[in-house]
Amino acid sequence: MALAAKAPTPAAGGGELQKIETLLGGSRVLAHHLTNALDAHELLLRGLPASALDHLVGNLVFIGKTESLEKAVGMSLRTWQRRKETPNKPLSQEQSGRAWKFAEILVKATDIFGSQAEAEQWLERPAVGLDQRRPIDLLGTPPGVELVEDHLDRLEYGIYA
């Protein structure tokens, strides 16, 4: 019996990869268009351009440059300001991964709540399903990210109101 070839899956289903790319400044900032998860992987290994993080944070609607945001993207405001002195130096792999994950969660929350503003407000509010913790405060560690992603999955499928 022959097995059907399975098409490669984008980093995060359907058009989510393109939505993440857009949040990070699109192909203009990232220097090329991402077509699949391997493209994203290679980009993060090389390090996101610092301007991708600038674009992401500069286009937030509700969330300000707070300590919570710093923890979520893995970079203090002071470090971010210093990076402006070397705009061509890419972010580290860790910083790139954290910025990517923040964008990925923001895309998923935007899809669930209907607008980026609503998604950002949700990230800032204590959530019953997260033991009254604010989702943005959990994004500083891999287990916290997993909790937020699981909570978003439950919201998407109507398990939590």
C-alpha atoms as a PDB file:
ATOM      1  CA  MET A   1       0.000   0.000   0.000  1.00  0.00           C
ATOM      2  CA  ALA A   2       1.434   3.382  -1.011  1.00  0.00           C
ATOM      3  CA  LEU A   3       1.346   6.201   1.480  1.00  0.00           C
ATOM      4  CA  ALA A   4       0.099   9.550   0.274  1.00  0.00           C
ATOM      5  CA  ALA A   5       2.644  12.335   0.484  1.00  0.00           C
ATOM      6  CA  LYS A   6       1.804  14.726   3.258  1.00  0.00           C
ATOM      7  CA  ALA A   7       2.168  18.418   2.476  1.00  0.00           C
ATOM      8  CA  PRO A   8       4.506  20.336   4.773  1.00  0.00           C
ATOM      9  CA  THR A   9       2.665  22.231   7.468  1.00  0.00           C
ATOM     10  CA  PRO A  10       3.374  25.914   8.148  1.00  0.00           C
ATOM     11  CA  ALA A  11       4.771  26.870  11.580  1.00  0.00           C
ATOM     12  CA  ALA A  12       1.304  27.525  12.853  1.00  0.00           C
ATOM     13  CA  GLY A  13      -1.489  26.383  10.491  1.00  0.00           C
ATOM     14  CA  GLY A  14      -3.079  28.192   7.541  1.00  0.00           C
ATOM     15  CA  GLY A  15      -2.242  31.855   7.264  1.00  0.00           C
ATOM     16  CA  GLU A  16      -0.844  32.195  10.783  1.00  0.00           C
ATOM     17  CA  LEU A  17       2.731  32.117   9.491  1.00  0.00           C
ATOM     18  CA  GLN A  18       1.983  35.099   7.271  1.00  0.00           C
ATOM     19  CA  LYS A  19       0.251  36.911  10.141  1.00  0.00           C
ATOM     20  CA  ILE A  20       3.306  36.401  12.354  1.00  0.00           C
ATOM     21  CA  GLU A  21       5.540  37.577   9.519  1.00  0.00           C
ATOM     22  CA  THR A  22       3.397  40.718   9.165  1.00  0.00           C
ATOM     23  CA  LEU A  23       3.590  41.476  12.910  1.00  0.00           C
ATOM     24  CA  LEU A  24       7.375  41.264  12.628  1.00  0.00           C
ATOM     25  CA  GLY A  25       7.496  43.725   9.731  1.00  0.00           C
ATOM     26  CA  GLY A  26       6.884  41.459   6.756  1.00  0.00           C
ATOM     27  CA  SER A  27       9.365  40.488   4.082  1.00  0.00           C
ATOM     28  CA  ARG A  28      10.650  44.079   3.937  1.00  0.00           C
ATOM     29  CA  VAL A  29      12.006  43.837   7.492  1.00  0.00           C
ATOM     30  CA  LEU A  30      12.754  40.105   7.536  1.00  0.00           C
ATOM     31  CA  ALA A  31      14.533  40.304   4.147  1.00  0.00           C
ATOM     32  CA  HIS A  32      12.483  37.468   2.638  1.00  0.00           C
ATOM     33  CA  HIS A  33       9.009  35.931   2.600  1.00  0.00           C
ATOM     34  CA  LEU A  34       8.412  32.965   4.910  1.00  0.00           C
ATOM     35  CA  THR A  35       6.693  30.070   3.161  1.00  0.00           C
ATOM     36  CA  ASN A  36       6.924  27.289   5.747  1.00  0.00           C
ATOM     37  CA  ALA A  37       8.123  26.323   9.219  1.00  0.00           C
ATOM     38  CA  LEU A  38      11.645  25.611   7.984  1.00  0.00           C
ATOM     39  CA  ASP A  39      11.948  29.185   6.687  1.00  0.00           C
ATOM     40  CA  ALA A  40      10.910  30.433  10.129  1.00  0.00           C
ATOM     41  CA  HIS A  41      13.363  28.046  11.806  1.00  0.00           C
ATOM     42  CA  GLU A  42      16.266  29.259   9.659  1.00  0.00           C
ATOM     43  CA  LEU A  43      15.333  32.894  10.271  1.00  0.00           C
ATOM     44  CA  LEU A  44      15.307  32.382  14.052  1.00  0.00           C
ATOM     45  CA  LEU A  45      18.630  30.521  13.954  1.00  0.00           C
ATOM     46  CA  ARG A  46      20.222  33.523  12.208  1.00  0.00           C
ATOM     47  CA  GLY A  47      18.429  35.922  14.548  1.00  0.00           C
ATOM     48  CA  LEU A  48      15.602  38.293  13.782  1.00  0.00           C
ATOM     49  CA  PRO A  49      16.634  41.754  12.664  1.00  0.00           C
ATOM     50  CA  ALA A  50      16.332  44.152  15.607  1.00  0.00           C
ATOM     51  CA  SER A  51      13.905  46.163  13.477  1.00  0.00           C
ATOM     52  CA  ALA A  52      11.475  43.194  13.584  1.00  0.00           C
ATOM     53  CA  LEU A  53      11.120  43.624  17.348  1.00  0.00           C
ATOM     54  CA  ASP A  54      10.812  47.395  16.865  1.00  0.00           C
ATOM     55  CA  HIS A  55       8.026  46.793  14.350  1.00  0.00           C
ATOM     56  CA  LEU A  56       6.221  44.333  16.626  1.00  0.00           C
ATOM     57  CA  VAL A  57       6.313  46.583  19.685  1.00  0.00           C
ATOM     58  CA  GLY A  58       5.650  49.737  17.659  1.00  0.00           C
ATOM     59  CA  ASN A  59       2.411  48.254  16.328  1.00  0.00           C
ATOM     60  CA  LEU A  60       0.961  47.170  19.655  1.00  0.00           C
ATOM     61  CA  VAL A  61      -2.404  48.811  20.205  1.00  0.00           C
ATOM     62  CA  PHE A  62      -2.941  48.444  23.949  1.00  0.00           C
ATOM     63  CA  ILE A  63       0.189  47.013  25.544  1.00  0.00           C
ATOM     64  CA  GLY A  64       2.804  49.600  26.444  1.00  0.00           C
ATOM     65  CA  LYS A  65       6.526  49.194  26.952  1.00  0.00           C
ATOM     66  CA  THR A  66       6.148  47.634  30.382  1.00  0.00           C
ATOM     67  CA  GLU A  67       8.113  45.233  32.531  1.00  0.00           C
ATOM     68  CA  SER A  68       5.641  42.514  31.495  1.00  0.00           C
ATOM     69  CA  LEU A  69       6.362  43.116  27.821  1.00  0.00           C
ATOM     70  CA  GLU A  70      10.094  43.091  28.559  1.00  0.00           C
ATOM     71  CA  LYS A  71       9.779  39.671  30.190  1.00  0.00           C
ATOM     72  CA  ALA A  72       7.578  38.371  27.380  1.00  0.00           C
ATOM     73  CA  VAL A  73      10.060  39.280  24.631  1.00  0.00           C
ATOM     74  CA  GLY A  74      13.159  38.615  26.724  1.00  0.00           C
ATOM     75  CA  MET A  75      14.709  42.048  26.540  1.00  0.00           C
ATOM     76  CA  SER A  76      14.718  44.959  28.974  1.00  0.00           C
ATOM     77  CA  LEU A  77      13.853  48.433  27.727  1.00  0.00           C
ATOM     78  CA  ARG A  78      17.410  49.508  28.475  1.00  0.00           C
ATOM     79  CA  THR A  79      18.867  46.677  26.363  1.00  0.00           C
ATOM     80  CA  TRP A  80      16.390  47.490  23.614  1.00  0.00           C
ATOM     81  CA  GLN A  81      17.514  51.131  23.621  1.00  0.00           C
ATOM     82  CA  ARG A  82      21.190  50.053  23.475  1.00  0.00           C
ATOM     83  CA  ARG A  83      20.407  47.806  20.502  1.00  0.00           C
ATOM     84  CA  LYS A  84      19.356  50.891  18.550  1.00  0.00           C
ATOM     85  CA  GLU A  85      23.048  51.838  18.462  1.00  0.00           C
ATOM     86  CA  THR A  86      23.766  48.650  16.446  1.00  0.00           C
ATOM     87  CA  PRO A  87      20.668  48.296  14.245  1.00  0.00           C
ATOM     88  CA  ASN A  88      22.301  45.793  11.880  1.00  0.00           C
ATOM     89  CA  LYS A  89      23.160  43.314  14.647  1.00  0.00           C
ATOM     90  CA  PRO A  90      20.484  40.593  14.751  1.00  0.00           C
ATOM     91  CA  LEU A  91      18.755  39.536  17.946  1.00  0.00           C
ATOM     92  CA  SER A  92      20.120  36.465  19.714  1.00  0.00           C
ATOM     93  CA  GLN A  93      18.437  33.124  19.063  1.00  0.00           C
ATOM     94  CA  GLU A  94      16.752  33.331  22.468  1.00  0.00           C
ATOM     95  CA  GLN A  95      15.501  36.879  21.910  1.00  0.00           C
ATOM     96  CA  SER A  96      14.371  35.951  18.405  1.00  0.00           C
ATOM     97  CA  GLY A  97      12.507  32.912  19.693  1.00  0.00           C
ATOM     98  CA  ARG A  98      10.803  34.896  22.434  1.00  0.00           C
ATOM     99  CA  ALA A  99       9.771  37.690  20.043  1.00  0.00           C
ATOM    100  CA  TRP A 100       8.471  35.074  17.587  1.00  0.00           C
ATOM    101  CA  LYS A 101       6.511  33.267  20.316  1.00  0.00           C
ATOM    102  CA  PHE A 102       4.994  36.553  21.525  1.00  0.00           C
ATOM    103  CA  ALA A 103       3.912  37.344  17.947  1.00  0.00           C
ATOM    104  CA  GLU A 104       2.550  33.806  17.532  1.00  0.00           C
ATOM    105  CA  ILE A 105       0.465  34.067  20.710  1.00  0.00           C
ATOM    106  CA  LEU A 106      -0.744  37.541  19.743  1.00  0.00           C
ATOM    107  CA  VAL A 107      -1.873  36.187  16.349  1.00  0.00           C
ATOM    108  CA  LYS A 108      -3.740  33.296  17.956  1.00  0.00           C
ATOM    109  CA  ALA A 109      -5.396  35.550  20.541  1.00  0.00           C
ATOM    110  CA  THR A 110      -6.339  38.048  17.799  1.00  0.00           C
ATOM    111  CA  ASP A 111      -8.006  35.255  15.822  1.00  0.00           C
ATOM    112  CA  ILE A 112      -9.943  34.166  18.908  1.00  0.00           C
ATOM    113  CA  PHE A 113     -10.957  37.618  20.175  1.00  0.00           C
ATOM    114  CA  GLY A 114     -11.503  39.248  16.788  1.00  0.00           C
ATOM    115  CA  SER A 115      -9.107  42.179  17.029  1.00  0.00           C
ATOM    116  CA  GLN A 116      -5.551  42.861  18.073  1.00  0.00           C
ATOM    117  CA  ALA A 117      -6.744  45.417  20.636  1.00  0.00           C
ATOM    118  CA  GLU A 118      -9.007  42.811  22.293  1.00  0.00           C
ATOM    119  CA  ALA A 119      -6.196  40.250  22.211  1.00  0.00           C
ATOM    120  CA  GLU A 120      -3.760  42.650  23.860  1.00  0.00           C
ATOM    121  CA  GLN A 121      -6.322  43.554  26.528  1.00  0.00           C
ATOM    122  CA  TRP A 122      -6.823  39.840  27.205  1.00  0.00           C
ATOM    123  CA  LEU A 123      -3.061  39.399  27.616  1.00  0.00           C
ATOM    124  CA  GLU A 124      -3.091  42.156  30.259  1.00  0.00           C
ATOM    125  CA  ARG A 125      -6.104  40.917  32.281  1.00  0.00           C
ATOM    126  CA  PRO A 126      -6.047  38.238  34.989  1.00  0.00           C
ATOM    127  CA  ALA A 127      -7.547  35.016  33.589  1.00  0.00           C
ATOM    128  CA  VAL A 128      -9.669  32.624  35.629  1.00  0.00           C
ATOM    129  CA  GLY A 129      -8.222  29.638  33.748  1.00  0.00           C
ATOM    130  CA  LEU A 130      -4.701  30.786  34.632  1.00  0.00           C
ATOM    131  CA  ASP A 131      -5.309  31.061  38.374  1.00  0.00           C
ATOM    132  CA  GLN A 132      -5.991  34.817  38.053  1.00  0.00           C
ATOM    133  CA  ARG A 133      -2.591  35.428  36.479  1.00  0.00           C
ATOM    134  CA  ARG A 134      -2.188  37.762  33.523  1.00  0.00           C
ATOM    135  CA  PRO A 135      -1.233  35.813  30.389  1.00  0.00           C
ATOM    136  CA  ILE A 136       1.520  38.299  29.489  1.00  0.00           C
ATOM    137  CA  ASP A 137       3.212  37.651  32.845  1.00  0.00           C
ATOM    138  CA  LEU A 138       3.497  33.940  32.021  1.00  0.00           C
ATOM    139  CA  LEU A 139       5.281  34.431  28.693  1.00  0.00           C
ATOM    140  CA  GLY A 140       8.727  34.712  30.298  1.00  0.00           C
ATOM    141  CA  THR A 141       9.207  30.939  30.654  1.00  0.00           C
ATOM    142  CA  PRO A 142       8.520  27.922  28.409  1.00  0.00           C
ATOM    143  CA  PRO A 143       6.064  26.360  30.922  1.00  0.00           C
ATOM    144  CA  GLY A 144       4.244  29.701  31.180  1.00  0.00           C
ATOM    145  CA  VAL A 145       4.025  29.948  27.397  1.00  0.00           C
ATOM    146  CA  GLU A 146       2.601  26.435  27.306  1.00  0.00           C
ATOM    147  CA  LEU A 147      -0.034  27.377  29.898  1.00  0.00           C
ATOM    148  CA  VAL A 148      -1.079  30.408  27.839  1.00  0.00           C
ATOM    149  CA  GLU A 149      -1.212  28.366  24.614  1.00  0.00           C
ATOM    150  CA  ASP A 150      -3.295  25.647  26.316  1.00  0.00           C
ATOM    151  CA  HIS A 151      -5.629  28.303  27.721  1.00  0.00           C
ATOM    152  CA  LEU A 152      -6.050  29.859  24.270  1.00  0.00           C
ATOM    153  CA  ASP A 153      -6.847  26.406  22.859  1.00  0.00           C
ATOM    154  CA  ARG A 154      -9.521  25.951  25.516  1.00  0.00           C
ATOM    155  CA  LEU A 155     -10.977  29.394  24.754  1.00  0.00           C
ATOM    156  CA  GLU A 156     -10.965  28.634  21.034  1.00  0.00           C
ATOM    157  CA  TYR A 157     -12.990  25.485  21.603  1.00  0.00           C
ATOM    158  CA  GLY A 158     -15.334  27.078  24.142  1.00  0.00           C
ATOM    159  CA  ILE A 159     -14.148  25.203  27.197  1.00  0.00           C
ATOM    160  CA  TYR A 160     -13.717  28.469  29.168  1.00  0.00           C
ATOM    161  CA  ALA A 161     -16.023  31.426  28.833  1.00  0.00           C
END
